[in-house]
C-alpha cells in the first residue's frame, strides 16, 4: 500500500509516492514517530497496530535511530520508562534509508 498524501509530507527527503507501507515499514515507523503529528500517529497505529509499533520501539537498535527526545518519549510511552542505552553516551543517530526511496538526483557514489 502506498502512503496516503497526508503522510507523504513527512518524507520530503524521499520519493514518498514510492514508499510502500510493508516494504518500508521501519523507515515509515521511525519517521512518523519522529516528525509526525497526533493525526499522523493515529494513522500509524491504525496502519501497523499498537503491538507492531511498540515492538519496533522496544528494539534498542530501532529506538536509537530516533532523536534523543523522541527515543526518550516513545520508550517512556511504550515501555514505561526511557531506554537506558549506549545511545545516551553518544551513540549513533542514523536513519536506515532504503536505496529505492532516495531521490534520483543523488549520485550513485552516495547510494
PDB file of N, CA and C in Angstrom:
ATOM      1  N   UNK A   1       0.843  -1.173   0.000  1.00  0.00           N
ATOM      2  CA  UNK A   1       0.000   0.000   0.000  1.00  0.00           C
ATOM      3  C   UNK A   1       0.895   1.244   0.000  1.00  0.00           C
ATOM      4  N   UNK A   2       0.550   2.209  -0.793  1.00  0.00           N
ATOM      5  CA  UNK A   2       1.297   3.459  -0.888  1.00  0.00           C
ATOM      6  C   UNK A   2       0.870   4.377   0.258  1.00  0.00           C
ATOM      7  N   UNK A   3       1.784   5.225   0.688  1.00  0.00           N
ATOM      8  CA  UNK A   3       1.474   6.174   1.757  1.00  0.00           C
ATOM      9  C   UNK A   3       0.368   7.136   1.338  1.00  0.00           C
ATOM     10  N   UNK A   4      -0.544   7.446   2.250  1.00  0.00           N
ATOM     11  CA  UNK A   4      -1.552   8.455   1.924  1.00  0.00           C
ATOM     12  C   UNK A   4      -0.890   9.825   1.761  1.00  0.00           C
ATOM     13  N   UNK A   5      -1.507  10.670   0.978  1.00  0.00           N
ATOM     14  CA  UNK A   5      -0.967  12.004   0.699  1.00  0.00           C
ATOM     15  C   UNK A   5      -0.724  12.783   1.985  1.00  0.00           C
ATOM     16  N   UNK A   6      -1.600  12.630   2.960  1.00  0.00           N
ATOM     17  CA  UNK A   6      -1.452  13.383   4.209  1.00  0.00           C
ATOM     18  C   UNK A   6      -0.176  13.022   4.963  1.00  0.00           C
ATOM     19  N   UNK A   7       0.351  11.841   4.768  1.00  0.00           N
ATOM     20  CA  UNK A   7       1.577  11.382   5.441  1.00  0.00           C
ATOM     21  C   UNK A   7       2.813  11.675   4.591  1.00  0.00           C
ATOM     22  N   UNK A   8       2.650  11.739   3.290  1.00  0.00           N
ATOM     23  CA  UNK A   8       3.797  11.904   2.384  1.00  0.00           C
ATOM     24  C   UNK A   8       4.620  13.144   2.682  1.00  0.00           C
ATOM     25  N   UNK A   9       4.013  14.176   3.243  1.00  0.00           N
ATOM     26  CA  UNK A   9       4.754  15.411   3.534  1.00  0.00           C
ATOM     27  C   UNK A   9       5.911  15.172   4.499  1.00  0.00           C
ATOM     28  N   UNK A  10       5.823  14.136   5.337  1.00  0.00           N
ATOM     29  CA  UNK A  10       6.891  13.824   6.287  1.00  0.00           C
ATOM     30  C   UNK A  10       8.120  13.236   5.592  1.00  0.00           C
ATOM     31  N   UNK A  11       7.953  12.772   4.374  1.00  0.00           N
ATOM     32  CA  UNK A  11       9.015  12.077   3.653  1.00  0.00           C
ATOM     33  C   UNK A  11       9.549  12.935   2.504  1.00  0.00           C
ATOM     34  N   UNK A  12       9.767  14.206   2.801  1.00  0.00           N
ATOM     35  CA  UNK A  12      10.222  15.146   1.780  1.00  0.00           C
ATOM     36  C   UNK A  12      11.618  14.824   1.274  1.00  0.00           C
ATOM     37  N   UNK A  13      12.380  14.037   2.004  1.00  0.00           N
ATOM     38  CA  UNK A  13      13.734  13.657   1.568  1.00  0.00           C
ATOM     39  C   UNK A  13      13.723  12.479   0.598  1.00  0.00           C
ATOM     40  N   UNK A  14      12.587  11.848   0.438  1.00  0.00           N
ATOM     41  CA  UNK A  14      12.477  10.610  -0.334  1.00  0.00           C
ATOM     42  C   UNK A  14      11.432  10.765  -1.429  1.00  0.00           C
ATOM     43  N   UNK A  15      11.315   9.748  -2.231  1.00  0.00           N
ATOM     44  CA  UNK A  15      10.199   9.651  -3.173  1.00  0.00           C
ATOM     45  C   UNK A  15       9.032   9.075  -2.380  1.00  0.00           C
ATOM     46  N   UNK A  16       8.311   9.930  -1.726  1.00  0.00           N
ATOM     47  CA  UNK A  16       7.235   9.480  -0.836  1.00  0.00           C
ATOM     48  C   UNK A  16       6.185   8.672  -1.577  1.00  0.00           C
ATOM     49  N   UNK A  17       5.971   8.977  -2.834  1.00  0.00           N
ATOM     50  CA  UNK A  17       4.976   8.248  -3.610  1.00  0.00           C
ATOM     51  C   UNK A  17       5.437   6.838  -3.971  1.00  0.00           C
ATOM     52  N   UNK A  18       6.682   6.503  -3.702  1.00  0.00           N
ATOM     53  CA  UNK A  18       7.209   5.163  -3.972  1.00  0.00           C
ATOM     54  C   UNK A  18       7.311   4.300  -2.711  1.00  0.00           C
ATOM     55  N   UNK A  19       7.121   4.909  -1.552  1.00  0.00           N
ATOM     56  CA  UNK A  19       7.253   4.151  -0.311  1.00  0.00           C
ATOM     57  C   UNK A  19       6.047   3.241  -0.122  1.00  0.00           C
ATOM     58  N   UNK A  20       6.326   2.025   0.213  1.00  0.00           N
ATOM     59  CA  UNK A  20       5.297   1.014   0.431  1.00  0.00           C
ATOM     60  C   UNK A  20       5.191   0.735   1.930  1.00  0.00           C
ATOM     61  N   UNK A  21       3.989   0.681   2.453  1.00  0.00           N
ATOM     62  CA  UNK A  21       3.809   0.526   3.898  1.00  0.00           C
ATOM     63  C   UNK A  21       4.338  -0.809   4.418  1.00  0.00           C
ATOM     64  N   UNK A  22       4.455  -1.806   3.579  1.00  0.00           N
ATOM     65  CA  UNK A  22       5.012  -3.087   4.014  1.00  0.00           C
ATOM     66  C   UNK A  22       6.526  -3.113   3.831  1.00  0.00           C
ATOM     67  N   UNK A  23       6.977  -2.807   2.643  1.00  0.00           N
ATOM     68  CA  UNK A  23       8.405  -2.880   2.308  1.00  0.00           C
ATOM     69  C   UNK A  23       9.240  -1.886   3.110  1.00  0.00           C
ATOM     70  N   UNK A  24       8.698  -0.708   3.367  1.00  0.00           N
ATOM     71  CA  UNK A  24       9.462   0.349   4.024  1.00  0.00           C
ATOM     72  C   UNK A  24       8.969   0.618   5.449  1.00  0.00           C
ATOM     73  N   UNK A  25       8.421  -0.397   6.074  1.00  0.00           N
ATOM     74  CA  UNK A  25       7.846  -0.252   7.417  1.00  0.00           C
ATOM     75  C   UNK A  25       8.790   0.400   8.425  1.00  0.00           C
ATOM     76  N   UNK A  26      10.051  -0.043   8.556  1.00  0.00           N
ATOM     77  CA  UNK A  26      10.925   0.583   9.559  1.00  0.00           C
ATOM     78  C   UNK A  26      11.126   2.081   9.346  1.00  0.00           C
ATOM     79  N   UNK A  27      11.348   2.487   8.104  1.00  0.00           N
ATOM     80  CA  UNK A  27      11.535   3.905   7.801  1.00  0.00           C
ATOM     81  C   UNK A  27      10.263   4.700   8.101  1.00  0.00           C
ATOM     82  N   UNK A  28       9.127   4.134   7.757  1.00  0.00           N
ATOM     83  CA  UNK A  28       7.856   4.828   7.974  1.00  0.00           C
ATOM     84  C   UNK A  28       7.572   4.982   9.461  1.00  0.00           C
ATOM     85  N   UNK A  29       7.743   3.915  10.221  1.00  0.00           N
ATOM     86  CA  UNK A  29       7.507   3.994  11.666  1.00  0.00           C
ATOM     87  C   UNK A  29       8.436   5.036  12.285  1.00  0.00           C
ATOM     88  N   UNK A  30       9.705   4.960  11.959  1.00  0.00           N
ATOM     89  CA  UNK A  30      10.686   5.895  12.512  1.00  0.00           C
ATOM     90  C   UNK A  30      10.328   7.343  12.189  1.00  0.00           C
ATOM     91  N   UNK A  31      10.020   7.613  10.942  1.00  0.00           N
ATOM     92  CA  UNK A  31       9.759   8.984  10.509  1.00  0.00           C
ATOM     93  C   UNK A  31       8.486   9.537  11.134  1.00  0.00           C
ATOM     94  N   UNK A  32       7.434   8.733  11.185  1.00  0.00           N
ATOM     95  CA  UNK A  32       6.177   9.217  11.751  1.00  0.00           C
ATOM     96  C   UNK A  32       6.317   9.433  13.253  1.00  0.00           C
ATOM     97  N   UNK A  33       7.015   8.536  13.951  1.00  0.00           N
ATOM     98  CA  UNK A  33       7.231   8.747  15.391  1.00  0.00           C
ATOM     99  C   UNK A  33       8.061  10.004  15.632  1.00  0.00           C
ATOM    100  N   UNK A  34       9.030  10.225  14.793  1.00  0.00           N
ATOM    101  CA  UNK A  34       9.937  11.359  14.962  1.00  0.00           C
ATOM    102  C   UNK A  34       9.295  12.693  14.583  1.00  0.00           C
ATOM    103  N   UNK A  35       8.639  12.743  13.443  1.00  0.00           N
ATOM    104  CA  UNK A  35       8.214  14.015  12.873  1.00  0.00           C
ATOM    105  C   UNK A  35       6.703  14.206  12.775  1.00  0.00           C
ATOM    106  N   UNK A  36       5.944  13.183  13.133  1.00  0.00           N
ATOM    107  CA  UNK A  36       4.514  13.232  12.918  1.00  0.00           C
ATOM    108  C   UNK A  36       3.738  14.034  13.954  1.00  0.00           C
ATOM    109  N   UNK A  37       2.490  14.310  13.605  1.00  0.00           N
ATOM    110  CA  UNK A  37       1.547  14.999  14.487  1.00  0.00           C
ATOM    111  C   UNK A  37       0.618  13.941  15.114  1.00  0.00           C
ATOM    112  N   UNK A  38      -0.309  14.382  15.929  1.00  0.00           N
ATOM    113  CA  UNK A  38      -1.277  13.452  16.510  1.00  0.00           C
ATOM    114  C   UNK A  38      -2.053  12.703  15.433  1.00  0.00           C
ATOM    115  N   UNK A  39      -2.445  13.409  14.392  1.00  0.00           N
ATOM    116  CA  UNK A  39      -3.172  12.760  13.293  1.00  0.00           C
ATOM    117  C   UNK A  39      -2.294  11.723  12.593  1.00  0.00           C
ATOM    118  N   UNK A  40      -1.020  12.045  12.422  1.00  0.00           N
ATOM    119  CA  UNK A  40      -0.082  11.110  11.790  1.00  0.00           C
ATOM    120  C   UNK A  40       0.116   9.877  12.662  1.00  0.00           C
ATOM    121  N   UNK A  41       0.220  10.092  13.966  1.00  0.00           N
ATOM    122  CA  UNK A  41       0.378   8.954  14.881  1.00  0.00           C
ATOM    123  C   UNK A  41      -0.862   8.068  14.859  1.00  0.00           C
ATOM    124  N   UNK A  42      -2.027   8.675  14.760  1.00  0.00           N
ATOM    125  CA  UNK A  42      -3.272   7.893  14.665  1.00  0.00           C
ATOM    126  C   UNK A  42      -3.244   7.013  13.421  1.00  0.00           C
ATOM    127  N   UNK A  43      -2.792   7.587  12.293  1.00  0.00           N
ATOM    128  CA  UNK A  43      -2.667   6.799  11.069  1.00  0.00           C
ATOM    129  C   UNK A  43      -1.678   5.661  11.271  1.00  0.00           C
ATOM    130  N   UNK A  44      -0.547   5.949  11.899  1.00  0.00           N
ATOM    131  CA  UNK A  44       0.487   4.942  12.132  1.00  0.00           C
ATOM    132  C   UNK A  44      -0.068   3.758  12.928  1.00  0.00           C
ATOM    133  N   UNK A  45      -0.765   4.041  14.018  1.00  0.00           N
ATOM    134  CA  UNK A  45      -1.310   2.965  14.852  1.00  0.00           C
ATOM    135  C   UNK A  45      -2.438   2.226  14.145  1.00  0.00           C
ATOM    136  N   UNK A  46      -3.220   2.920  13.338  1.00  0.00           N
ATOM    137  CA  UNK A  46      -4.289   2.263  12.578  1.00  0.00           C
ATOM    138  C   UNK A  46      -3.704   1.354  11.493  1.00  0.00           C
ATOM    139  N   UNK A  47      -2.580   1.762  10.921  1.00  0.00           N
ATOM    140  CA  UNK A  47      -1.949   1.008   9.840  1.00  0.00           C
ATOM    141  C   UNK A  47      -1.167  -0.196  10.348  1.00  0.00           C
ATOM    142  N   UNK A  48      -0.347   0.002  11.380  1.00  0.00           N
ATOM    143  CA  UNK A  48       0.544  -1.063  11.844  1.00  0.00           C
ATOM    144  C   UNK A  48       0.093  -1.736  13.129  1.00  0.00           C
ATOM    145  N   UNK A  49      -0.735  -1.070  13.894  1.00  0.00           N
ATOM    146  CA  UNK A  49      -1.175  -1.625  15.169  1.00  0.00           C
ATOM    147  C   UNK A  49      -0.226  -1.255  16.294  1.00  0.00           C
ATOM    148  N   UNK A  50      -0.787  -1.148  17.471  1.00  0.00           N
ATOM    149  CA  UNK A  50      -0.040  -0.774  18.665  1.00  0.00           C
ATOM    150  C   UNK A  50       1.132  -1.719  18.910  1.00  0.00           C
ATOM    151  N   UNK A  51       0.880  -3.039  18.800  1.00  0.00           N
ATOM    152  CA  UNK A  51       1.920  -4.028  19.111  1.00  0.00           C
ATOM    153  C   UNK A  51       3.122  -3.927  18.180  1.00  0.00           C
ATOM    154  N   UNK A  52       2.884  -3.720  16.893  1.00  0.00           N
ATOM    155  CA  UNK A  52       3.987  -3.607  15.933  1.00  0.00           C
ATOM    156  C   UNK A  52       4.850  -2.389  16.236  1.00  0.00           C
ATOM    157  N   UNK A  53       4.213  -1.263  16.497  1.00  0.00           N
ATOM    158  CA  UNK A  53       4.967  -0.044  16.793  1.00  0.00           C
ATOM    159  C   UNK A  53       5.703  -0.187  18.122  1.00  0.00           C
ATOM    160  N   UNK A  54       5.041  -0.768  19.122  1.00  0.00           N
ATOM    161  CA  UNK A  54       5.689  -0.993  20.418  1.00  0.00           C
ATOM    162  C   UNK A  54       6.912  -1.896  20.258  1.00  0.00           C
ATOM    163  N   UNK A  55       6.782  -2.979  19.495  1.00  0.00           N
ATOM    164  CA  UNK A  55       7.919  -3.883  19.285  1.00  0.00           C
ATOM    165  C   UNK A  55       9.066  -3.179  18.572  1.00  0.00           C
ATOM    166  N   UNK A  56       8.747  -2.286  17.636  1.00  0.00           N
ATOM    167  CA  UNK A  56       9.784  -1.529  16.936  1.00  0.00           C
ATOM    168  C   UNK A  56      10.526  -0.648  17.938  1.00  0.00           C
ATOM    169  N   UNK A  57       9.786   0.067  18.775  1.00  0.00           N
ATOM    170  CA  UNK A  57      10.392   0.962  19.768  1.00  0.00           C
ATOM    171  C   UNK A  57      11.169   0.174  20.821  1.00  0.00           C
ATOM    172  N   UNK A  58      10.682  -1.010  21.170  1.00  0.00           N
ATOM    173  CA  UNK A  58      11.338  -1.822  22.204  1.00  0.00           C
ATOM    174  C   UNK A  58      12.697  -2.347  21.759  1.00  0.00           C
ATOM    175  N   UNK A  59      12.934  -2.421  20.462  1.00  0.00           N
ATOM    176  CA  UNK A  59      14.228  -2.860  19.947  1.00  0.00           C
ATOM    177  C   UNK A  59      15.210  -1.692  20.058  1.00  0.00           C
ATOM    178  N   UNK A  60      16.233  -1.814  20.901  1.00  0.00           N
ATOM    179  CA  UNK A  60      17.167  -0.692  21.091  1.00  0.00           C
ATOM    180  C   UNK A  60      17.843  -0.218  19.808  1.00  0.00           C
ATOM    181  N   UNK A  61      18.051  -1.107  18.860  1.00  0.00           N
ATOM    182  CA  UNK A  61      18.664  -0.711  17.589  1.00  0.00           C
ATOM    183  C   UNK A  61      17.730   0.227  16.833  1.00  0.00           C
ATOM    184  N   UNK A  62      16.451  -0.095  16.816  1.00  0.00           N
ATOM    185  CA  UNK A  62      15.480   0.780  16.145  1.00  0.00           C
ATOM    186  C   UNK A  62      15.320   2.091  16.918  1.00  0.00           C
ATOM    187  N   UNK A  63      15.116   1.994  18.204  1.00  0.00           N
ATOM    188  CA  UNK A  63      14.886   3.195  19.014  1.00  0.00           C
ATOM    189  C   UNK A  63      16.056   4.164  18.919  1.00  0.00           C
ATOM    190  N   UNK A  64      17.269   3.652  18.775  1.00  0.00           N
ATOM    191  CA  UNK A  64      18.458   4.515  18.681  1.00  0.00           C
ATOM    192  C   UNK A  64      18.493   5.317  17.390  1.00  0.00           C
ATOM    193  N   UNK A  65      17.640   4.972  16.430  1.00  0.00           N
ATOM    194  CA  UNK A  65      17.565   5.739  15.193  1.00  0.00           C
ATOM    195  C   UNK A  65      16.745   7.009  15.381  1.00  0.00           C
ATOM    196  N   UNK A  66      16.010   7.088  16.465  1.00  0.00           N
ATOM    197  CA  UNK A  66      15.234   8.288  16.784  1.00  0.00           C
ATOM    198  C   UNK A  66      16.147   9.321  17.437  1.00  0.00           C
ATOM    199  N   UNK A  67      15.729  10.564  17.412  1.00  0.00           N
ATOM    200  CA  UNK A  67      16.470  11.592  18.141  1.00  0.00           C
ATOM    201  C   UNK A  67      16.370  11.281  19.631  1.00  0.00           C
ATOM    202  N   UNK A  68      17.271  11.789  20.453  1.00  0.00           N
ATOM    203  CA  UNK A  68      17.196  11.508  21.886  1.00  0.00           C
ATOM    204  C   UNK A  68      15.845  11.867  22.510  1.00  0.00           C
ATOM    205  N   UNK A  69      15.269  13.004  22.123  1.00  0.00           N
ATOM    206  CA  UNK A  69      13.981  13.391  22.711  1.00  0.00           C
ATOM    207  C   UNK A  69      12.870  12.441  22.299  1.00  0.00           C
ATOM    208  N   UNK A  70      12.862  12.025  21.015  1.00  0.00           N
ATOM    209  CA  UNK A  70      11.828  11.103  20.542  1.00  0.00           C
ATOM    210  C   UNK A  70      12.028   9.721  21.159  1.00  0.00           C
ATOM    211  N   UNK A  71      13.268   9.270  21.261  1.00  0.00           N
ATOM    212  CA  UNK A  71      13.524   7.972  21.881  1.00  0.00           C
ATOM    213  C   UNK A  71      13.068   7.979  23.336  1.00  0.00           C
ATOM    214  N   UNK A  72      13.403   9.024  24.061  1.00  0.00           N
ATOM    215  CA  UNK A  72      13.009   9.129  25.462  1.00  0.00           C
ATOM    216  C   UNK A  72      11.493   9.103  25.593  1.00  0.00           C
ATOM    217  N   UNK A  73      10.800   9.882  24.755  1.00  0.00           N
ATOM    218  CA  UNK A  73       9.344   9.953  24.814  1.00  0.00           C
ATOM    219  C   UNK A  73       8.699   8.611  24.482  1.00  0.00           C
ATOM    220  N   UNK A  74       9.055   8.033  23.336  1.00  0.00           N
ATOM    221  CA  UNK A  74       8.375   6.815  22.888  1.00  0.00           C
ATOM    222  C   UNK A  74       8.730   5.593  23.718  1.00  0.00           C
ATOM    223  N   UNK A  75       9.951   5.488  24.202  1.00  0.00           N
ATOM    224  CA  UNK A  75      10.243   4.352  25.088  1.00  0.00           C
ATOM    225  C   UNK A  75       9.510   4.531  26.411  1.00  0.00           C
ATOM    226  N   UNK A  76       9.347   5.768  26.844  1.00  0.00           N
ATOM    227  CA  UNK A  76       8.541   6.016  28.044  1.00  0.00           C
ATOM    228  C   UNK A  76       7.093   5.629  27.841  1.00  0.00           C
ATOM    229  N   UNK A  77       6.533   5.960  26.693  1.00  0.00           N
ATOM    230  CA  UNK A  77       5.139   5.632  26.380  1.00  0.00           C
ATOM    231  C   UNK A  77       4.947   4.119  26.314  1.00  0.00           C
ATOM    232  N   UNK A  78       5.785   3.445  25.554  1.00  0.00           N
ATOM    233  CA  UNK A  78       5.590   2.018  25.304  1.00  0.00           C
ATOM    234  C   UNK A  78       6.150   1.104  26.373  1.00  0.00           C
ATOM    235  N   UNK A  79       7.245   1.500  27.007  1.00  0.00           N
ATOM    236  CA  UNK A  79       7.929   0.608  27.933  1.00  0.00           C
ATOM    237  C   UNK A  79       7.804   1.051  29.386  1.00  0.00           C
ATOM    238  N   UNK A  80       7.192   2.196  29.616  1.00  0.00           N
ATOM    239  CA  UNK A  80       7.001   2.681  30.981  1.00  0.00           C
ATOM    240  C   UNK A  80       8.171   3.468  31.527  1.00  0.00           C
ATOM    241  N   UNK A  81       9.306   3.416  30.839  1.00  0.00           N
ATOM    242  CA  UNK A  81      10.476   4.215  31.230  1.00  0.00           C
ATOM    243  C   UNK A  81      11.387   4.334  30.016  1.00  0.00           C
ATOM    244  N   UNK A  82      12.129   5.411  29.940  1.00  0.00           N
ATOM    245  CA  UNK A  82      13.034   5.583  28.789  1.00  0.00           C
ATOM    246  C   UNK A  82      14.107   4.506  28.745  1.00  0.00           C
ATOM    247  N   UNK A  83      14.545   4.191  27.526  1.00  0.00           N
ATOM    248  CA  UNK A  83      15.663   3.257  27.353  1.00  0.00           C
ATOM    249  C   UNK A  83      16.898   3.798  28.053  1.00  0.00           C
ATOM    250  N   UNK A  84      17.652   2.919  28.604  1.00  0.00           N
ATOM    251  CA  UNK A  84      18.973   3.281  29.115  1.00  0.00           C
ATOM    252  C   UNK A  84      19.973   2.560  28.225  1.00  0.00           C
ATOM    253  N   UNK A  85      20.203   3.144  27.064  1.00  0.00           N
ATOM    254  CA  UNK A  85      21.050   2.508  26.061  1.00  0.00           C
ATOM    255  C   UNK A  85      22.351   3.281  25.906  1.00  0.00           C
ATOM    256  N   UNK A  86      23.338   2.683  25.259  1.00  0.00           N
ATOM    257  CA  UNK A  86      24.590   3.387  24.989  1.00  0.00           C
ATOM    258  C   UNK A  86      24.382   4.661  24.186  1.00  0.00           C
ATOM    259  N   UNK A  87      23.256   4.776  23.529  1.00  0.00           N
ATOM    260  CA  UNK A  87      22.949   5.958  22.731  1.00  0.00           C
ATOM    261  C   UNK A  87      23.058   7.225  23.567  1.00  0.00           C
ATOM    262  N   UNK A  88      22.706   7.149  24.828  1.00  0.00           N
ATOM    263  CA  UNK A  88      22.765   8.330  25.692  1.00  0.00           C
ATOM    264  C   UNK A  88      24.206   8.730  25.982  1.00  0.00           C
ATOM    265  N   UNK A  89      25.143   7.841  25.734  1.00  0.00           N
ATOM    266  CA  UNK A  89      26.559   8.142  25.906  1.00  0.00           C
ATOM    267  C   UNK A  89      27.210   8.490  24.569  1.00  0.00           C
ATOM    268  N   UNK A  90      26.406   9.003  23.654  1.00  0.00           N
ATOM    269  CA  UNK A  90      26.947   9.408  22.358  1.00  0.00           C
ATOM    270  C   UNK A  90      26.801   8.358  21.288  1.00  0.00           C
ATOM    271  N   UNK A  91      25.785   7.527  21.373  1.00  0.00           N
ATOM    272  CA  UNK A  91      25.532   6.509  20.354  1.00  0.00           C
ATOM    273  C   UNK A  91      25.223   7.157  19.018  1.00  0.00           C
ATOM    274  N   UNK A  92      24.973   6.339  18.029  1.00  0.00           N
ATOM    275  CA  UNK A  92      24.716   6.922  16.712  1.00  0.00           C
ATOM    276  C   UNK A  92      23.239   7.237  16.531  1.00  0.00           C
ATOM    277  N   UNK A  93      22.986   8.241  15.736  1.00  0.00           N
ATOM    278  CA  UNK A  93      21.628   8.654  15.384  1.00  0.00           C
ATOM    279  C   UNK A  93      21.559   8.594  13.863  1.00  0.00           C
ATOM    280  N   UNK A  94      21.253   7.412  13.347  1.00  0.00           N
ATOM    281  CA  UNK A  94      21.254   7.213  11.908  1.00  0.00           C
ATOM    282  C   UNK A  94      19.896   6.743  11.431  1.00  0.00           C
ATOM    283  N   UNK A  95      19.521   7.233  10.300  1.00  0.00           N
ATOM    284  CA  UNK A  95      18.313   6.745   9.644  1.00  0.00           C
ATOM    285  C   UNK A  95      18.724   5.633   8.701  1.00  0.00           C
ATOM    286  N   UNK A  96      17.969   4.574   8.706  1.00  0.00           N
ATOM    287  CA  UNK A  96      18.204   3.492   7.755  1.00  0.00           C
ATOM    288  C   UNK A  96      17.306   3.773   6.554  1.00  0.00           C
ATOM    289  N   UNK A  97      17.930   4.167   5.464  1.00  0.00           N
ATOM    290  CA  UNK A  97      17.179   4.601   4.289  1.00  0.00           C
ATOM    291  C   UNK A  97      17.270   3.551   3.192  1.00  0.00           C
ATOM    292  N   UNK A  98      16.119   3.077   2.711  1.00  0.00           N
ATOM    293  CA  UNK A  98      16.156   2.135   1.591  1.00  0.00           C
ATOM    294  C   UNK A  98      16.605   2.856   0.320  1.00  0.00           C
ATOM    295  N   UNK A  99      17.490   2.241  -0.429  1.00  0.00           N
ATOM    296  CA  UNK A  99      18.070   2.856  -1.616  1.00  0.00           C
ATOM    297  C   UNK A  99      17.002   3.267  -2.616  1.00  0.00           C
ATOM    298  N   UNK A 100      15.957   2.463  -2.775  1.00  0.00           N
ATOM    299  CA  UNK A 100      14.938   2.796  -3.768  1.00  0.00           C
ATOM    300  C   UNK A 100      14.071   3.981  -3.356  1.00  0.00           C
ATOM    301  N   UNK A 101      14.240   4.472  -2.144  1.00  0.00           N
ATOM    302  CA  UNK A 101      13.485   5.640  -1.688  1.00  0.00           C
ATOM    303  C   UNK A 101      14.279   6.931  -1.842  1.00  0.00           C
ATOM    304  N   UNK A 102      15.543   6.823  -2.227  1.00  0.00           N
ATOM    305  CA  UNK A 102      16.379   8.013  -2.389  1.00  0.00           C
ATOM    306  C   UNK A 102      16.014   8.760  -3.660  1.00  0.00           C
ATOM    307  N   UNK A 103      16.181  10.067  -3.662  1.00  0.00           N
ATOM    308  CA  UNK A 103      15.859  10.845  -4.853  1.00  0.00           C
ATOM    309  C   UNK A 103      16.772  10.509  -6.022  1.00  0.00           C
ATOM    310  N   UNK A 104      16.259  10.666  -7.214  1.00  0.00           N
ATOM    311  CA  UNK A 104      17.004  10.322  -8.427  1.00  0.00           C
ATOM    312  C   UNK A 104      18.253  11.173  -8.592  1.00  0.00           C
ATOM    313  N   UNK A 105      18.237  12.418  -8.092  1.00  0.00           N
ATOM    314  CA  UNK A 105      19.379  13.300  -8.282  1.00  0.00           C
ATOM    315  C   UNK A 105      20.582  12.908  -7.441  1.00  0.00           C
ATOM    316  N   UNK A 106      20.402  12.043  -6.455  1.00  0.00           N
ATOM    317  CA  UNK A 106      21.512  11.605  -5.627  1.00  0.00           C
ATOM    318  C   UNK A 106      22.422  10.705  -6.456  1.00  0.00           C
ATOM    319  N   UNK A 107      23.682  11.034  -6.507  1.00  0.00           N
ATOM    320  CA  UNK A 107      24.603  10.280  -7.369  1.00  0.00           C
ATOM    321  C   UNK A 107      24.753   8.856  -6.883  1.00  0.00           C
ATOM    322  N   UNK A 108      25.126   7.996  -7.799  1.00  0.00           N
ATOM    323  CA  UNK A 108      25.333   6.587  -7.475  1.00  0.00           C
ATOM    324  C   UNK A 108      26.441   6.401  -6.449  1.00  0.00           C
ATOM    325  N   UNK A 109      27.396   7.323  -6.409  1.00  0.00           N
ATOM    326  CA  UNK A 109      28.501   7.208  -5.466  1.00  0.00           C
ATOM    327  C   UNK A 109      28.011   7.329  -4.018  1.00  0.00           C
ATOM    328  N   UNK A 110      26.956   8.058  -3.812  1.00  0.00           N
ATOM    329  CA  UNK A 110      26.433   8.253  -2.465  1.00  0.00           C
ATOM    330  C   UNK A 110      25.426   7.180  -2.063  1.00  0.00           C
ATOM    331  N   UNK A 111      24.991   6.394  -2.987  1.00  0.00           N
ATOM    332  CA  UNK A 111      23.980   5.374  -2.696  1.00  0.00           C
ATOM    333  C   UNK A 111      24.555   4.213  -1.971  1.00  0.00           C
TER     334      UNK A 111
END
